[in-house]
Amino acid sequence: MTQNHFIEILLSGGWTMIPLLGCSILSLAVILERAFSLRKNNVVPSFLITLVENSKTPEEIERILKAGGRRPSRDLSKNNPTGRLTDLGLSQKNLSKEENEKAVELAGRIEARHLESGFLVLEMIAVVAPLLGLLGTVLGMFDVFAVISTKGIGLAKEFSGGISKALVTTIAGLVIAIPTLIAHTFFTKKVENMVLDMETCIGITLAKIYHE
């Protein structure tokens, strides 16, 4: 299939291909951005939980965060959610455990919301793209029946043009929706696992602060 032939097939889908193209571009942009942002070392550095577990005092955890663990150029208390929440818990050790936990929990919800940025867009595209494809199908079939009602069934070219529009838009909608839905599900599960790791790290820190 040549490039020109491929473009002709897309154009045969009619105007519904325009929003479908927009959905595909937006979906790809969000997927690439989330894939980069949700790398494990950007959210829960692989070595941080181990270092926190092996620390004997809250002060030692603070030194680890400020020193960047295995990456001295990084301040773990600022450039990743787990470090920020752990640092928050350490900075409020003068509070009671219950007050500290509530403050960290609230901050954790905000961090989790940031991790889920773009998920709503992916969810909407996964729903809207097949509907746009279905709309294109209905419009294509409408063209088919319009040709039949005015010129009969002998005009194969016009008849096949309507069928082509119906098939192209349906396929395009599904091709966009399926990987978008897979990406949404994958990222959702990944964030859930990361949040669990964050809670583990913070829980260990609070236990050391209050000598549990």
Protein backbone atom coordinates (compact mmCIF):
# COMPACT_ATOMS: atom_id res chain seq x y z
CA MET A 1 0.00 0.00 0.00
CA THR A 2 1.49 3.32 -1.08
CA GLN A 3 1.38 6.44 1.05
CA ASN A 4 -0.96 8.18 -1.39
CA HIS A 5 -3.31 5.21 -1.37
CA PHE A 6 -3.32 5.20 2.43
CA ILE A 7 -4.16 8.93 2.50
CA GLU A 8 -6.96 8.36 0.00
CA ILE A 9 -8.44 5.67 2.21
CA LEU A 10 -8.35 8.00 5.23
CA LEU A 11 -9.95 10.83 3.28
CA SER A 12 -12.71 8.50 2.13
CA GLY A 13 -13.87 8.34 5.73
CA GLY A 14 -15.34 11.83 5.51
CA TRP A 15 -15.30 14.65 8.04
CA THR A 16 -15.43 12.32 11.06
CA MET A 17 -11.81 11.43 10.32
CA ILE A 18 -10.80 14.95 11.42
CA PRO A 19 -11.82 14.56 15.08
CA LEU A 20 -10.53 10.99 14.99
CA LEU A 21 -7.15 12.27 13.84
CA GLY A 22 -7.23 14.81 16.67
CA CYS A 23 -8.03 12.03 19.15
CA SER A 24 -5.12 9.94 17.89
CA ILE A 25 -2.64 12.81 18.20
CA LEU A 26 -3.87 13.78 21.68
CA SER A 27 -3.85 10.17 22.86
CA LEU A 28 -0.30 9.61 21.62
CA ALA A 29 0.89 12.85 23.26
CA VAL A 30 -0.62 11.94 26.64
CA ILE A 31 0.69 8.36 26.49
CA LEU A 32 4.25 9.51 25.73
CA GLU A 33 4.14 12.20 28.43
CA ARG A 34 2.81 9.79 31.07
CA ALA A 35 5.29 7.09 30.06
CA PHE A 36 8.11 9.55 30.69
CA SER A 37 6.69 11.09 33.88
CA LEU A 38 5.71 7.79 35.50
CA ARG A 39 9.13 6.20 35.30
CA LYS A 40 9.76 4.53 38.64
CA ASN A 41 12.83 6.61 39.52
CA ASN A 42 10.80 9.79 38.94
CA VAL A 43 8.19 8.75 41.51
CA VAL A 44 9.61 6.09 43.83
CA PRO A 45 13.40 5.80 43.42
CA SER A 46 14.16 2.08 43.56
CA PHE A 47 16.77 2.46 46.27
CA LEU A 48 14.88 4.91 48.51
CA ILE A 49 12.67 2.43 50.37
CA THR A 50 15.66 0.18 51.09
CA LEU A 51 17.68 3.09 52.42
CA VAL A 52 14.79 4.24 54.62
CA GLU A 53 14.32 0.69 55.95
CA ASN A 54 18.00 0.45 56.83
CA SER A 55 18.12 3.85 58.52
CA LYS A 56 18.24 3.78 62.30
CA THR A 57 16.96 7.29 63.06
CA PRO A 58 14.78 9.97 61.43
CA GLU A 59 17.85 12.20 61.20
CA GLU A 60 19.59 9.59 59.10
CA ILE A 61 16.60 9.52 56.72
CA GLU A 62 16.81 13.31 56.43
CA ARG A 63 20.48 13.10 55.49
CA ILE A 64 19.67 10.49 52.84
CA LEU A 65 16.99 12.69 51.31
CA LYS A 66 19.17 15.79 51.21
CA ALA A 67 22.22 13.89 49.96
CA GLY A 68 20.25 12.28 47.13
CA GLY A 69 20.92 8.68 48.14
CA ARG A 70 22.94 7.12 45.36
CA ARG A 71 22.65 10.22 43.23
CA PRO A 72 24.35 13.08 45.11
CA SER A 73 23.26 15.61 42.50
CA ARG A 74 19.57 14.99 43.34
CA ASP A 75 17.70 16.32 46.35
CA LEU A 76 15.20 13.52 46.95
CA SER A 77 13.14 15.73 49.25
CA LYS A 78 12.14 17.93 46.30
CA ASN A 79 12.26 16.15 42.96
CA ASN A 80 10.01 13.14 43.50
CA PRO A 81 6.67 12.55 45.29
CA THR A 82 7.98 9.91 47.69
CA GLY A 83 10.84 12.11 48.83
CA ARG A 84 8.56 15.12 49.26
CA LEU A 85 6.05 13.19 51.37
CA THR A 86 8.78 11.58 53.46
CA ASP A 87 10.39 14.97 54.02
CA LEU A 88 7.00 16.40 55.00
CA GLY A 89 6.54 13.72 57.63
CA LEU A 90 10.02 14.39 59.00
CA SER A 91 9.46 18.15 59.13
CA GLN A 92 6.32 17.65 61.24
CA LYS A 93 7.73 15.28 63.83
CA ASN A 94 6.81 17.80 66.54
CA LEU A 95 3.15 17.01 65.83
CA SER A 96 1.29 14.01 67.20
CA LYS A 97 1.35 10.91 65.05
CA GLU A 98 -2.33 11.30 64.13
CA GLU A 99 -1.88 14.92 63.04
CA ASN A 100 1.23 14.06 61.05
CA GLU A 101 -0.49 11.14 59.33
CA LYS A 102 -3.46 13.32 58.33
CA ALA A 103 -1.20 16.02 56.90
CA VAL A 104 0.87 13.50 54.94
CA GLU A 105 -2.28 11.72 53.74
CA LEU A 106 -3.69 15.00 52.37
CA ALA A 107 -0.42 15.80 50.63
CA GLY A 108 -0.35 12.23 49.30
CA ARG A 109 -3.76 12.67 47.68
CA ILE A 110 -2.50 15.77 45.90
CA GLU A 111 0.59 13.91 44.69
CA ALA A 112 -1.56 10.99 43.50
CA ARG A 113 -3.78 13.40 41.58
CA HIS A 114 -0.70 14.74 39.80
CA LEU A 115 0.36 11.19 38.94
CA GLU A 116 -3.07 10.61 37.39
CA SER A 117 -2.83 13.72 35.22
CA GLY A 118 -4.08 12.96 31.71
CA PHE A 119 -5.92 9.79 32.70
CA LEU A 120 -9.30 11.45 32.16
CA VAL A 121 -8.25 12.46 28.65
CA LEU A 122 -7.29 8.86 27.81
CA GLU A 123 -10.54 7.57 29.28
CA MET A 124 -12.60 10.03 27.24
CA ILE A 125 -10.74 9.21 24.01
CA ALA A 126 -11.25 5.48 24.61
CA VAL A 127 -15.00 6.13 24.79
CA VAL A 128 -15.38 8.87 22.18
CA ALA A 129 -13.23 7.38 19.39
CA PRO A 130 -15.48 4.32 18.80
CA LEU A 131 -18.55 6.57 18.91
CA LEU A 132 -17.03 8.82 16.26
CA GLY A 133 -16.28 5.71 14.24
CA LEU A 134 -19.89 4.60 14.66
CA LEU A 135 -21.08 8.03 13.57
CA GLY A 136 -18.95 7.73 10.44
CA THR A 137 -20.48 4.30 9.84
CA VAL A 138 -24.00 5.68 10.08
CA LEU A 139 -23.14 8.56 7.72
CA GLY A 140 -21.54 6.12 5.27
CA MET A 141 -24.58 3.87 5.30
CA PHE A 142 -26.79 6.93 4.85
CA ASP A 143 -24.84 7.74 1.67
CA VAL A 144 -25.33 4.15 0.50
CA PHE A 145 -29.07 4.27 0.95
CA ALA A 146 -29.22 7.73 -0.63
CA VAL A 147 -27.54 6.34 -3.75
CA ILE A 148 -29.86 3.34 -3.78
CA SER A 149 -32.99 5.48 -3.40
CA THR A 150 -32.06 7.90 -6.17
CA LYS A 151 -30.06 5.83 -8.68
CA GLY A 152 -30.81 2.22 -7.84
CA ILE A 153 -28.34 -0.51 -6.95
CA GLY A 154 -26.50 -0.66 -10.26
CA LEU A 155 -23.92 2.04 -9.50
CA ALA A 156 -21.25 -0.01 -7.85
CA LYS A 157 -18.77 2.87 -7.51
CA GLU A 158 -21.10 5.12 -5.55
CA PHE A 159 -22.37 2.17 -3.55
CA SER A 160 -18.87 1.01 -2.58
CA GLY A 161 -17.88 4.58 -1.67
CA GLY A 162 -20.46 4.69 1.11
CA ILE A 163 -19.46 1.26 2.38
CA SER A 164 -15.81 2.34 2.36
CA LYS A 165 -16.60 5.41 4.47
CA ALA A 166 -18.45 3.22 6.96
CA LEU A 167 -15.61 0.70 7.26
CA VAL A 168 -12.78 3.25 7.43
CA THR A 169 -14.28 5.26 10.27
CA THR A 170 -15.19 2.16 12.26
CA ILE A 171 -11.69 0.76 11.92
CA ALA A 172 -10.09 4.12 12.74
CA GLY A 173 -12.19 4.52 15.87
CA LEU A 174 -11.26 1.06 17.13
CA VAL A 175 -7.58 1.43 16.23
CA ILE A 176 -7.45 4.60 18.35
CA ALA A 177 -9.62 3.38 21.22
CA ILE A 178 -8.02 -0.03 21.84
CA PRO A 179 -4.40 1.09 22.51
CA THR A 180 -5.70 4.13 24.40
CA LEU A 181 -7.74 1.89 26.71
CA ILE A 182 -4.77 -0.45 27.19
CA ALA A 183 -2.52 2.50 28.07
CA HIS A 184 -5.10 3.90 30.50
CA THR A 185 -5.42 0.54 32.26
CA PHE A 186 -1.65 0.05 32.38
CA PHE A 187 -0.95 3.52 33.78
CA THR A 188 -3.77 3.22 36.33
CA LYS A 189 -2.34 -0.03 37.68
CA LYS A 190 1.17 1.42 37.65
CA VAL A 191 0.09 4.43 39.71
CA GLU A 192 -1.70 2.17 42.19
CA ASN A 193 1.51 0.19 42.71
CA MET A 194 3.56 3.37 43.04
CA VAL A 195 1.16 4.82 45.61
CA LEU A 196 1.47 1.58 47.60
CA ASP A 197 5.29 1.91 47.52
CA MET A 198 5.01 5.55 48.61
CA GLU A 199 2.77 4.60 51.52
CA THR A 200 5.25 1.91 52.54
CA CYS A 201 8.16 4.35 52.56
CA ILE A 202 6.20 6.98 54.50
CA GLY A 203 4.85 4.39 56.94
CA ILE A 204 8.37 3.21 57.75
CA THR A 205 9.49 6.80 58.24
CA LEU A 206 6.64 7.63 60.61
CA ALA A 207 7.27 4.43 62.56
CA LYS A 208 10.89 5.47 63.10
CA ILE A 209 9.86 9.01 64.09
CA TYR A 210 7.45 7.79 66.76
CA HIS A 211 9.64 4.80 67.78
CA GLU A 212 7.15 2.10 66.94
